[in-house]
Amino acid sequence: MSDSKVIVAVRVRPMNRREIELNTKCVVDMEENQTVLQPPPSNSKGENRYKIKKQKKNYKAGLA
């Protein structure tokens, strides 16, 4: 087994006016050097739904 590390960068933008008016809850808390993900609130059907707007994967050649 190889010793490998995964580095994840998280950038949280401020909520826009519409999100504030809808009383949207932020699911990402930044605490010093830690990022804490909270479970998203459920809708009326008890489902958790969220959208991933942009996803980018970078692979380095030679890593398996």
Protein backbone atom coordinates (compact mmCIF):
# COMPACT_ATOMS: atom_id res chain seq x y z
CA MET A 1 0.00 0.00 0.00
CA SER A 2 1.40 3.41 -0.89
CA ASP A 3 1.40 6.46 1.31
CA SER A 4 -0.68 8.97 -0.60
CA LYS A 5 -2.39 12.17 0.40
CA VAL A 6 -5.51 13.84 -0.87
CA ILE A 7 -5.61 17.61 -0.70
CA VAL A 8 -8.99 19.27 -1.04
CA ALA A 9 -9.46 23.01 -1.53
CA VAL A 10 -12.79 24.51 -0.47
CA ARG A 11 -13.92 28.01 -1.31
CA VAL A 12 -17.18 29.27 0.16
CA ARG A 13 -18.75 32.36 -1.35
CA PRO A 14 -21.05 34.70 0.56
CA MET A 15 -24.76 34.02 0.10
CA ASN A 16 -26.52 36.15 -2.48
CA ARG A 17 -29.64 38.20 -1.80
CA ARG A 18 -32.02 35.48 -3.01
CA GLU A 19 -30.42 32.85 -0.77
CA ILE A 20 -30.67 35.19 2.21
CA GLU A 21 -34.33 36.00 1.45
CA LEU A 22 -35.12 32.26 1.22
CA ASN A 23 -33.40 31.73 4.60
CA THR A 24 -31.01 29.26 2.99
CA LYS A 25 -28.73 27.44 5.41
CA CYS A 26 -25.02 27.20 4.69
CA VAL A 27 -23.76 23.62 4.99
CA VAL A 28 -20.06 24.52 5.15
CA ASP A 29 -18.47 25.87 8.33
CA MET A 30 -14.89 27.09 8.34
CA GLU A 31 -13.29 26.69 11.77
CA GLU A 32 -9.65 27.82 11.87
CA ASN A 33 -7.83 25.23 9.74
CA GLN A 34 -10.78 22.81 9.47
CA THR A 35 -13.73 22.67 7.10
CA VAL A 36 -16.87 21.12 8.55
CA LEU A 37 -19.69 19.93 6.28
CA GLN A 38 -23.13 19.92 7.86
CA PRO A 39 -25.88 17.67 6.50
CA PRO A 40 -28.13 19.64 4.13
CA PRO A 41 -31.66 20.33 5.38
CA SER A 42 -34.38 17.96 4.14
CA ASN A 43 -37.21 19.09 1.89
CA SER A 44 -40.87 18.35 2.64
CA LYS A 45 -40.39 14.77 1.33
CA GLY A 46 -37.47 14.15 3.66
CA GLU A 47 -34.98 14.13 0.77
CA ASN A 48 -31.62 15.87 0.79
CA ARG A 49 -30.90 17.48 -2.57
CA TYR A 50 -28.07 19.66 -3.72
CA LYS A 51 -26.38 20.52 -7.00
CA ILE A 52 -22.73 20.38 -7.87
CA LYS A 53 -22.24 23.25 -10.27
CA LYS A 54 -18.64 22.73 -11.21
CA GLN A 55 -16.35 19.80 -10.73
CA LYS A 56 -12.76 19.57 -11.81
CA LYS A 57 -10.48 16.56 -11.58
CA ASN A 58 -6.75 16.72 -12.02
CA TYR A 59 -4.80 13.53 -12.48
CA LYS A 60 -1.03 13.32 -12.54
CA ALA A 61 0.52 10.86 -14.95
CA GLY A 62 2.08 7.82 -13.36
CA LEU A 63 -0.12 7.69 -10.26
CA ALA A 64 -2.24 4.63 -9.73
